[in-house]
Amino acid sequence: MADSKEIIPQQYDLNAKWDACLDLTVRRFVYSSLGGAFGGLLLFRSPVTRWTSVAFGAGVGIGSAYTECSRLFEGSPAKLAAPKIIEVPAPQDGHN
């Protein structure tokens, strides 16, 4: 017998989705934390505010990774729907 592995469609392959999600989360966390550290070094003198900028950068990275992962798993609700427009009939030009 040859290779008898089933081919799983990409949309149903949870292992690939988790791998992509973890990779994305780690990358965005590290890069945004480094960006926050660099910005903190340039803009602030106090160590507390520098660490705050690092924490803010890490939070932005985790938040953006969470958003992308929820889209990847198709768990996020659709974006805001366009408001429904109710058409009002135009007034008639004649007299009653």
PDB file of N, CA and C in Angstrom:
ATOM      1  N   MET A   1       0.825  -1.172   0.000  1.00  0.00           N
ATOM      2  CA  MET A   1       0.000   0.000   0.000  1.00  0.00           C
ATOM      3  C   MET A   1       0.874   1.242   0.000  1.00  0.00           C
ATOM      4  N   ALA A   2       0.413   2.164  -0.766  1.00  0.00           N
ATOM      5  CA  ALA A   2       1.111   3.443  -0.812  1.00  0.00           C
ATOM      6  C   ALA A   2       0.694   4.287   0.396  1.00  0.00           C
ATOM      7  N   ASP A   3       1.052   5.499   0.353  1.00  0.00           N
ATOM      8  CA  ASP A   3       0.741   6.432   1.430  1.00  0.00           C
ATOM      9  C   ASP A   3      -0.773   6.562   1.564  1.00  0.00           C
ATOM     10  N   SER A   4      -1.344   6.169   2.693  1.00  0.00           N
ATOM     11  CA  SER A   4      -2.797   6.152   2.843  1.00  0.00           C
ATOM     12  C   SER A   4      -3.301   7.286   3.745  1.00  0.00           C
ATOM     13  N   LYS A   5      -2.556   8.368   3.861  1.00  0.00           N
ATOM     14  CA  LYS A   5      -2.999   9.492   4.682  1.00  0.00           C
ATOM     15  C   LYS A   5      -4.143  10.227   3.993  1.00  0.00           C
ATOM     16  N   GLU A   6      -5.082  10.634   4.791  1.00  0.00           N
ATOM     17  CA  GLU A   6      -6.174  11.431   4.237  1.00  0.00           C
ATOM     18  C   GLU A   6      -5.701  12.866   4.078  1.00  0.00           C
ATOM     19  N   ILE A   7      -6.121  13.472   3.019  1.00  0.00           N
ATOM     20  CA  ILE A   7      -5.787  14.872   2.813  1.00  0.00           C
ATOM     21  C   ILE A   7      -6.912  15.701   3.403  1.00  0.00           C
ATOM     22  N   ILE A   8      -6.563  16.516   4.401  1.00  0.00           N
ATOM     23  CA  ILE A   8      -7.552  17.334   5.090  1.00  0.00           C
ATOM     24  C   ILE A   8      -7.600  18.693   4.411  1.00  0.00           C
ATOM     25  N   PRO A   9      -8.783  19.152   4.062  1.00  0.00           N
ATOM     26  CA  PRO A   9      -8.873  20.495   3.473  1.00  0.00           C
ATOM     27  C   PRO A   9      -8.346  21.541   4.447  1.00  0.00           C
ATOM     28  N   GLN A  10      -7.763  22.573   3.915  1.00  0.00           N
ATOM     29  CA  GLN A  10      -7.119  23.580   4.738  1.00  0.00           C
ATOM     30  C   GLN A  10      -8.089  24.251   5.703  1.00  0.00           C
ATOM     31  N   GLN A  11      -9.327  24.395   5.316  1.00  0.00           N
ATOM     32  CA  GLN A  11     -10.290  25.066   6.178  1.00  0.00           C
ATOM     33  C   GLN A  11     -10.638  24.250   7.414  1.00  0.00           C
ATOM     34  N   TYR A  12     -10.374  22.942   7.407  1.00  0.00           N
ATOM     35  CA  TYR A  12     -10.687  22.088   8.540  1.00  0.00           C
ATOM     36  C   TYR A  12      -9.455  21.604   9.305  1.00  0.00           C
ATOM     37  N   ASP A  13      -8.289  21.999   8.902  1.00  0.00           N
ATOM     38  CA  ASP A  13      -7.052  21.545   9.536  1.00  0.00           C
ATOM     39  C   ASP A  13      -6.745  22.416  10.753  1.00  0.00           C
ATOM     40  N   LEU A  14      -7.169  21.950  11.939  1.00  0.00           N
ATOM     41  CA  LEU A  14      -6.982  22.741  13.154  1.00  0.00           C
ATOM     42  C   LEU A  14      -5.526  22.844  13.566  1.00  0.00           C
ATOM     43  N   ASN A  15      -4.733  21.816  13.314  1.00  0.00           N
ATOM     44  CA  ASN A  15      -3.320  21.878  13.683  1.00  0.00           C
ATOM     45  C   ASN A  15      -2.606  22.989  12.930  1.00  0.00           C
ATOM     46  N   ALA A  16      -2.901  23.133  11.655  1.00  0.00           N
ATOM     47  CA  ALA A  16      -2.275  24.195  10.864  1.00  0.00           C
ATOM     48  C   ALA A  16      -2.753  25.558  11.340  1.00  0.00           C
ATOM     49  N   LYS A  17      -4.019  25.653  11.709  1.00  0.00           N
ATOM     50  CA  LYS A  17      -4.540  26.925  12.198  1.00  0.00           C
ATOM     51  C   LYS A  17      -3.889  27.311  13.522  1.00  0.00           C
ATOM     52  N   TRP A  18      -3.750  26.342  14.427  1.00  0.00           N
ATOM     53  CA  TRP A  18      -3.106  26.641  15.709  1.00  0.00           C
ATOM     54  C   TRP A  18      -1.634  27.012  15.514  1.00  0.00           C
ATOM     55  N   ASP A  19      -0.945  26.320  14.626  1.00  0.00           N
ATOM     56  CA  ASP A  19       0.452  26.658  14.354  1.00  0.00           C
ATOM     57  C   ASP A  19       0.580  28.074  13.820  1.00  0.00           C
ATOM     58  N   ALA A  20      -0.281  28.432  12.887  1.00  0.00           N
ATOM     59  CA  ALA A  20      -0.242  29.779  12.324  1.00  0.00           C
ATOM     60  C   ALA A  20      -0.591  30.815  13.381  1.00  0.00           C
ATOM     61  N   CYS A  21      -1.550  30.499  14.229  1.00  0.00           N
ATOM     62  CA  CYS A  21      -1.962  31.442  15.265  1.00  0.00           C
ATOM     63  C   CYS A  21      -0.864  31.661  16.307  1.00  0.00           C
ATOM     64  N   LEU A  22      -0.232  30.584  16.738  1.00  0.00           N
ATOM     65  CA  LEU A  22       0.855  30.733  17.714  1.00  0.00           C
ATOM     66  C   LEU A  22       2.049  31.473  17.125  1.00  0.00           C
ATOM     67  N   ASP A  23       2.376  31.174  15.886  1.00  0.00           N
ATOM     68  CA  ASP A  23       3.467  31.873  15.218  1.00  0.00           C
ATOM     69  C   ASP A  23       3.166  33.364  15.107  1.00  0.00           C
ATOM     70  N   LEU A  24       1.966  33.696  14.705  1.00  0.00           N
ATOM     71  CA  LEU A  24       1.561  35.087  14.565  1.00  0.00           C
ATOM     72  C   LEU A  24       1.579  35.805  15.915  1.00  0.00           C
ATOM     73  N   THR A  25       1.095  35.146  16.962  1.00  0.00           N
ATOM     74  CA  THR A  25       1.053  35.751  18.287  1.00  0.00           C
ATOM     75  C   THR A  25       2.447  36.036  18.816  1.00  0.00           C
ATOM     76  N   VAL A  26       3.344  35.078  18.691  1.00  0.00           N
ATOM     77  CA  VAL A  26       4.703  35.277  19.199  1.00  0.00           C
ATOM     78  C   VAL A  26       5.409  36.391  18.432  1.00  0.00           C
ATOM     79  N   ARG A  27       5.274  36.390  17.120  1.00  0.00           N
ATOM     80  CA  ARG A  27       5.930  37.419  16.320  1.00  0.00           C
ATOM     81  C   ARG A  27       5.415  38.814  16.660  1.00  0.00           C
ATOM     82  N   ARG A  28       4.088  38.961  16.695  1.00  0.00           N
ATOM     83  CA  ARG A  28       3.536  40.286  16.967  1.00  0.00           C
ATOM     84  C   ARG A  28       3.838  40.740  18.384  1.00  0.00           C
ATOM     85  N   PHE A  29       3.843  39.823  19.343  1.00  0.00           N
ATOM     86  CA  PHE A  29       4.186  40.186  20.717  1.00  0.00           C
ATOM     87  C   PHE A  29       5.626  40.692  20.802  1.00  0.00           C
ATOM     88  N   VAL A  30       6.547  39.960  20.202  1.00  0.00           N
ATOM     89  CA  VAL A  30       7.961  40.338  20.271  1.00  0.00           C
ATOM     90  C   VAL A  30       8.225  41.636  19.518  1.00  0.00           C
ATOM     91  N   TYR A  31       7.719  41.738  18.291  1.00  0.00           N
ATOM     92  CA  TYR A  31       7.992  42.929  17.504  1.00  0.00           C
ATOM     93  C   TYR A  31       7.372  44.176  18.114  1.00  0.00           C
ATOM     94  N   SER A  32       6.158  44.087  18.599  1.00  0.00           N
ATOM     95  CA  SER A  32       5.541  45.274  19.180  1.00  0.00           C
ATOM     96  C   SER A  32       6.149  45.618  20.540  1.00  0.00           C
ATOM     97  N   SER A  33       6.604  44.618  21.285  1.00  0.00           N
ATOM     98  CA  SER A  33       7.306  44.912  22.537  1.00  0.00           C
ATOM     99  C   SER A  33       8.628  45.620  22.262  1.00  0.00           C
ATOM    100  N   LEU A  34       9.336  45.165  21.232  1.00  0.00           N
ATOM    101  CA  LEU A  34      10.581  45.851  20.866  1.00  0.00           C
ATOM    102  C   LEU A  34      10.312  47.268  20.371  1.00  0.00           C
ATOM    103  N   GLY A  35       9.233  47.434  19.631  1.00  0.00           N
ATOM    104  CA  GLY A  35       8.859  48.773  19.186  1.00  0.00           C
ATOM    105  C   GLY A  35       8.512  49.669  20.359  1.00  0.00           C
ATOM    106  N   GLY A  36       7.789  49.130  21.338  1.00  0.00           N
ATOM    107  CA  GLY A  36       7.479  49.900  22.539  1.00  0.00           C
ATOM    108  C   GLY A  36       8.723  50.236  23.338  1.00  0.00           C
ATOM    109  N   ALA A  37       9.675  49.308  23.413  1.00  0.00           N
ATOM    110  CA  ALA A  37      10.921  49.575  24.132  1.00  0.00           C
ATOM    111  C   ALA A  37      11.729  50.654  23.426  1.00  0.00           C
ATOM    112  N   PHE A  38      11.798  50.587  22.119  1.00  0.00           N
ATOM    113  CA  PHE A  38      12.533  51.597  21.348  1.00  0.00           C
ATOM    114  C   PHE A  38      11.866  52.962  21.490  1.00  0.00           C
ATOM    115  N   GLY A  39      10.547  52.992  21.382  1.00  0.00           N
ATOM    116  CA  GLY A  39       9.826  54.253  21.557  1.00  0.00           C
ATOM    117  C   GLY A  39       9.973  54.791  22.968  1.00  0.00           C
ATOM    118  N   GLY A  40       9.976  53.907  23.959  1.00  0.00           N
ATOM    119  CA  GLY A  40      10.171  54.332  25.342  1.00  0.00           C
ATOM    120  C   GLY A  40      11.547  54.913  25.578  1.00  0.00           C
ATOM    121  N   LEU A  41      12.555  54.340  24.936  1.00  0.00           N
ATOM    122  CA  LEU A  41      13.906  54.886  25.083  1.00  0.00           C
ATOM    123  C   LEU A  41      14.033  56.262  24.442  1.00  0.00           C
ATOM    124  N   LEU A  42      13.347  56.445  23.328  1.00  0.00           N
ATOM    125  CA  LEU A  42      13.435  57.735  22.643  1.00  0.00           C
ATOM    126  C   LEU A  42      12.609  58.825  23.314  1.00  0.00           C
ATOM    127  N   LEU A  43      11.465  58.471  23.851  1.00  0.00           N
ATOM    128  CA  LEU A  43      10.524  59.489  24.302  1.00  0.00           C
ATOM    129  C   LEU A  43      10.502  59.740  25.801  1.00  0.00           C
ATOM    130  N   PHE A  44      10.880  58.765  26.627  1.00  0.00           N
ATOM    131  CA  PHE A  44      10.693  58.906  28.067  1.00  0.00           C
ATOM    132  C   PHE A  44      12.002  58.752  28.821  1.00  0.00           C
ATOM    133  N   ARG A  45      12.058  59.402  29.985  1.00  0.00           N
ATOM    134  CA  ARG A  45      13.242  59.288  30.841  1.00  0.00           C
ATOM    135  C   ARG A  45      13.014  58.351  32.019  1.00  0.00           C
ATOM    136  N   SER A  46      11.827  58.344  32.526  1.00  0.00           N
ATOM    137  CA  SER A  46      11.519  57.546  33.702  1.00  0.00           C
ATOM    138  C   SER A  46      11.428  56.062  33.334  1.00  0.00           C
ATOM    139  N   PRO A  47      12.030  55.203  34.170  1.00  0.00           N
ATOM    140  CA  PRO A  47      11.932  53.763  33.895  1.00  0.00           C
ATOM    141  C   PRO A  47      10.489  53.249  33.920  1.00  0.00           C
ATOM    142  N   VAL A  48       9.654  53.861  34.736  1.00  0.00           N
ATOM    143  CA  VAL A  48       8.266  53.411  34.826  1.00  0.00           C
ATOM    144  C   VAL A  48       7.547  53.662  33.502  1.00  0.00           C
ATOM    145  N   THR A  49       7.736  54.835  32.922  1.00  0.00           N
ATOM    146  CA  THR A  49       7.068  55.132  31.657  1.00  0.00           C
ATOM    147  C   THR A  49       7.667  54.321  30.520  1.00  0.00           C
ATOM    148  N   ARG A  50       8.931  53.998  30.611  1.00  0.00           N
ATOM    149  CA  ARG A  50       9.530  53.138  29.579  1.00  0.00           C
ATOM    150  C   ARG A  50       8.920  51.745  29.618  1.00  0.00           C
ATOM    151  N   TRP A  51       8.759  51.190  30.822  1.00  0.00           N
ATOM    152  CA  TRP A  51       8.145  49.877  30.936  1.00  0.00           C
ATOM    153  C   TRP A  51       6.674  49.924  30.540  1.00  0.00           C
ATOM    154  N   THR A  52       6.047  51.063  30.795  1.00  0.00           N
ATOM    155  CA  THR A  52       4.656  51.216  30.380  1.00  0.00           C
ATOM    156  C   THR A  52       4.536  51.175  28.863  1.00  0.00           C
ATOM    157  N   SER A  53       5.470  51.811  28.172  1.00  0.00           N
ATOM    158  CA  SER A  53       5.421  51.776  26.704  1.00  0.00           C
ATOM    159  C   SER A  53       5.700  50.371  26.171  1.00  0.00           C
ATOM    160  N   VAL A  54       6.545  49.619  26.853  1.00  0.00           N
ATOM    161  CA  VAL A  54       6.777  48.225  26.460  1.00  0.00           C
ATOM    162  C   VAL A  54       5.506  47.410  26.661  1.00  0.00           C
ATOM    163  N   ALA A  55       4.845  47.611  27.801  1.00  0.00           N
ATOM    164  CA  ALA A  55       3.604  46.886  28.078  1.00  0.00           C
ATOM    165  C   ALA A  55       2.509  47.275  27.089  1.00  0.00           C
ATOM    166  N   PHE A  56       2.437  48.551  26.740  1.00  0.00           N
ATOM    167  CA  PHE A  56       1.447  48.981  25.761  1.00  0.00           C
ATOM    168  C   PHE A  56       1.712  48.336  24.405  1.00  0.00           C
ATOM    169  N   GLY A  57       2.983  48.301  23.995  1.00  0.00           N
ATOM    170  CA  GLY A  57       3.336  47.654  22.735  1.00  0.00           C
ATOM    171  C   GLY A  57       2.995  46.175  22.740  1.00  0.00           C
ATOM    172  N   ALA A  58       3.262  45.503  23.863  1.00  0.00           N
ATOM    173  CA  ALA A  58       2.932  44.082  23.966  1.00  0.00           C
ATOM    174  C   ALA A  58       1.426  43.873  23.888  1.00  0.00           C
ATOM    175  N   GLY A  59       0.666  44.747  24.521  1.00  0.00           N
ATOM    176  CA  GLY A  59      -0.790  44.641  24.468  1.00  0.00           C
ATOM    177  C   GLY A  59      -1.337  44.849  23.073  1.00  0.00           C
ATOM    178  N   VAL A  60      -0.756  45.798  22.352  1.00  0.00           N
ATOM    179  CA  VAL A  60      -1.179  46.027  20.969  1.00  0.00           C
ATOM    180  C   VAL A  60      -0.873  44.800  20.120  1.00  0.00           C
ATOM    181  N   GLY A  61       0.297  44.212  20.321  1.00  0.00           N
ATOM    182  CA  GLY A  61       0.664  43.019  19.559  1.00  0.00           C
ATOM    183  C   GLY A  61      -0.236  41.841  19.845  1.00  0.00           C
ATOM    184  N   ILE A  62      -0.545  41.610  21.109  1.00  0.00           N
ATOM    185  CA  ILE A  62      -1.422  40.494  21.462  1.00  0.00           C
ATOM    186  C   ILE A  62      -2.840  40.748  20.962  1.00  0.00           C
ATOM    187  N   GLY A  63      -3.294  41.978  21.056  1.00  0.00           N
ATOM    188  CA  GLY A  63      -4.631  42.305  20.582  1.00  0.00           C
ATOM    189  C   GLY A  63      -4.787  42.109  19.084  1.00  0.00           C
ATOM    190  N   SER A  64      -3.791  42.553  18.333  1.00  0.00           N
ATOM    191  CA  SER A  64      -3.883  42.377  16.883  1.00  0.00           C
ATOM    192  C   SER A  64      -3.757  40.902  16.496  1.00  0.00           C
ATOM    193  N   ALA A  65      -2.942  40.151  17.227  1.00  0.00           N
ATOM    194  CA  ALA A  65      -2.838  38.713  16.960  1.00  0.00           C
ATOM    195  C   ALA A  65      -4.138  37.998  17.308  1.00  0.00           C
ATOM    196  N   TYR A  66      -4.784  38.416  18.384  1.00  0.00           N
ATOM    197  CA  TYR A  66      -6.070  37.817  18.752  1.00  0.00           C
ATOM    198  C   TYR A  66      -7.109  38.064  17.665  1.00  0.00           C
ATOM    199  N   THR A  67      -7.123  39.270  17.137  1.00  0.00           N
ATOM    200  CA  THR A  67      -8.085  39.595  16.080  1.00  0.00           C
ATOM    201  C   THR A  67      -7.846  38.732  14.849  1.00  0.00           C
ATOM    202  N   GLU A  68      -6.603  38.598  14.434  1.00  0.00           N
ATOM    203  CA  GLU A  68      -6.292  37.783  13.256  1.00  0.00           C
ATOM    204  C   GLU A  68      -6.598  36.307  13.510  1.00  0.00           C
ATOM    205  N   CYS A  69      -6.309  35.820  14.708  1.00  0.00           N
ATOM    206  CA  CYS A  69      -6.590  34.408  15.004  1.00  0.00           C
ATOM    207  C   CYS A  69      -8.086  34.140  15.038  1.00  0.00           C
ATOM    208  N   SER A  70      -8.867  35.079  15.548  1.00  0.00           N
ATOM    209  CA  SER A  70     -10.309  34.858  15.551  1.00  0.00           C
ATOM    210  C   SER A  70     -10.861  34.859  14.136  1.00  0.00           C
ATOM    211  N   ARG A  71     -10.279  35.644  13.250  1.00  0.00           N
ATOM    212  CA  ARG A  71     -10.683  35.584  11.849  1.00  0.00           C
ATOM    213  C   ARG A  71     -10.245  34.273  11.215  1.00  0.00           C
ATOM    214  N   LEU A  72      -9.076  33.796  11.604  1.00  0.00           N
ATOM    215  CA  LEU A  72      -8.566  32.542  11.054  1.00  0.00           C
ATOM    216  C   LEU A  72      -9.470  31.373  11.436  1.00  0.00           C
ATOM    217  N   PHE A  73      -9.945  31.386  12.665  1.00  0.00           N
ATOM    218  CA  PHE A  73     -10.835  30.331  13.128  1.00  0.00           C
ATOM    219  C   PHE A  73     -12.296  30.631  12.795  1.00  0.00           C
ATOM    220  N   GLU A  74     -12.541  31.723  12.128  1.00  0.00           N
ATOM    221  CA  GLU A  74     -13.875  32.151  11.713  1.00  0.00           C
ATOM    222  C   GLU A  74     -14.814  32.257  12.900  1.00  0.00           C
ATOM    223  N   GLY A  75     -14.291  32.757  14.002  1.00  0.00           N
ATOM    224  CA  GLY A  75     -15.115  32.896  15.188  1.00  0.00           C
ATOM    225  C   GLY A  75     -15.545  34.319  15.450  1.00  0.00           C
ATOM    226  N   SER A  76     -15.015  35.271  14.720  1.00  0.00           N
ATOM    227  CA  SER A  76     -15.384  36.650  14.982  1.00  0.00           C
ATOM    228  C   SER A  76     -16.668  36.992  14.246  1.00  0.00           C
ATOM    229  N   PRO A  77     -17.471  37.830  14.848  1.00  0.00           N
ATOM    230  CA  PRO A  77     -18.682  38.237  14.140  1.00  0.00           C
ATOM    231  C   PRO A  77     -18.323  39.111  12.946  1.00  0.00           C
ATOM    232  N   ALA A  78     -19.228  39.196  12.031  1.00  0.00           N
ATOM    233  CA  ALA A  78     -18.990  40.021  10.851  1.00  0.00           C
ATOM    234  C   ALA A  78     -18.852  41.472  11.278  1.00  0.00           C
ATOM    235  N   LYS A  79     -18.216  42.245  10.439  1.00  0.00           N
ATOM    236  CA  LYS A  79     -18.090  43.661  10.747  1.00  0.00           C
ATOM    237  C   LYS A  79     -19.474  44.273  10.811  1.00  0.00           C
ATOM    238  N   LEU A  80     -19.532  45.477  11.309  1.00  0.00           N
ATOM    239  CA  LEU A  80     -20.821  46.129  11.457  1.00  0.00           C
ATOM    240  C   LEU A  80     -21.567  46.137  10.134  1.00  0.00           C
ATOM    241  N   ALA A  81     -22.775  45.730  10.201  1.00  0.00           N
ATOM    242  CA  ALA A  81     -23.594  45.694   8.992  1.00  0.00           C
ATOM    243  C   ALA A  81     -24.029  47.111   8.632  1.00  0.00           C
ATOM    244  N   ALA A  82     -24.216  47.327   7.366  1.00  0.00           N
ATOM    245  CA  ALA A  82     -24.692  48.631   6.921  1.00  0.00           C
ATOM    246  C   ALA A  82     -26.103  48.842   7.438  1.00  0.00           C
ATOM    247  N   PRO A  83     -26.411  50.055   7.842  1.00  0.00           N
ATOM    248  CA  PRO A  83     -27.761  50.294   8.359  1.00  0.00           C
ATOM    249  C   PRO A  83     -28.808  50.096   7.280  1.00  0.00           C
ATOM    250  N   LYS A  84     -29.949  49.610   7.698  1.00  0.00           N
ATOM    251  CA  LYS A  84     -31.039  49.401   6.757  1.00  0.00           C
ATOM    252  C   LYS A  84     -31.678  50.751   6.440  1.00  0.00           C
ATOM    253  N   ILE A  85     -31.859  50.991   5.179  1.00  0.00           N
ATOM    254  CA  ILE A  85     -32.444  52.246   4.746  1.00  0.00           C
ATOM    255  C   ILE A  85     -33.900  51.989   4.380  1.00  0.00           C
ATOM    256  N   ILE A  86     -34.768  52.724   5.028  1.00  0.00           N
ATOM    257  CA  ILE A  86     -36.193  52.591   4.742  1.00  0.00           C
ATOM    258  C   ILE A  86     -36.551  53.669   3.733  1.00  0.00           C
ATOM    259  N   GLU A  87     -37.062  53.230   2.621  1.00  0.00           N
ATOM    260  CA  GLU A  87     -37.431  54.194   1.589  1.00  0.00           C
ATOM    261  C   GLU A  87     -38.828  54.725   1.857  1.00  0.00           C
ATOM    262  N   VAL A  88     -38.920  56.034   1.884  1.00  0.00           N
ATOM    263  CA  VAL A  88     -40.205  56.692   2.083  1.00  0.00           C
ATOM    264  C   VAL A  88     -40.717  57.083   0.711  1.00  0.00           C
ATOM    265  N   PRO A  89     -41.950  56.756   0.399  1.00  0.00           N
ATOM    266  CA  PRO A  89     -42.464  57.113  -0.932  1.00  0.00           C
ATOM    267  C   PRO A  89     -42.513  58.627  -1.104  1.00  0.00           C
ATOM    268  N   ALA A  90     -42.167  59.066  -2.289  1.00  0.00           N
ATOM    269  CA  ALA A  90     -42.173  60.493  -2.591  1.00  0.00           C
ATOM    270  C   ALA A  90     -43.606  61.010  -2.622  1.00  0.00           C
ATOM    271  N   PRO A  91     -43.818  62.241  -2.186  1.00  0.00           N
ATOM    272  CA  PRO A  91     -45.173  62.796  -2.226  1.00  0.00           C
ATOM    273  C   PRO A  91     -45.631  62.941  -3.668  1.00  0.00           C
ATOM    274  N   GLN A  92     -46.909  62.726  -3.876  1.00  0.00           N
ATOM    275  CA  GLN A  92     -47.465  62.847  -5.221  1.00  0.00           C
ATOM    276  C   GLN A  92     -47.671  64.308  -5.565  1.00  0.00           C
ATOM    277  N   ASP A  93     -47.557  64.614  -6.857  1.00  0.00           N
ATOM    278  CA  ASP A  93     -47.656  65.994  -7.288  1.00  0.00           C
ATOM    279  C   ASP A  93     -49.102  66.465  -7.468  1.00  0.00           C
ATOM    280  N   GLY A  94     -50.059  65.574  -7.467  1.00  0.00           N
ATOM    281  CA  GLY A  94     -51.456  65.956  -7.715  1.00  0.00           C
ATOM    282  C   GLY A  94     -52.168  66.358  -6.441  1.00  0.00           C
ATOM    283  N   HIS A  95     -53.315  67.016  -6.597  1.00  0.00           N
ATOM    284  CA  HIS A  95     -54.141  67.362  -5.452  1.00  0.00           C
ATOM    285  C   HIS A  95     -55.157  66.257  -5.227  1.00  0.00           C
ATOM    286  N   ASN A  96     -55.629  66.109  -4.020  1.00  0.00           N
ATOM    287  CA  ASN A  96     -56.622  65.083  -3.702  1.00  0.00           C
ATOM    288  C   ASN A  96     -57.979  65.456  -4.165  1.00  0.00           C
TER     289      ASN A  96
END
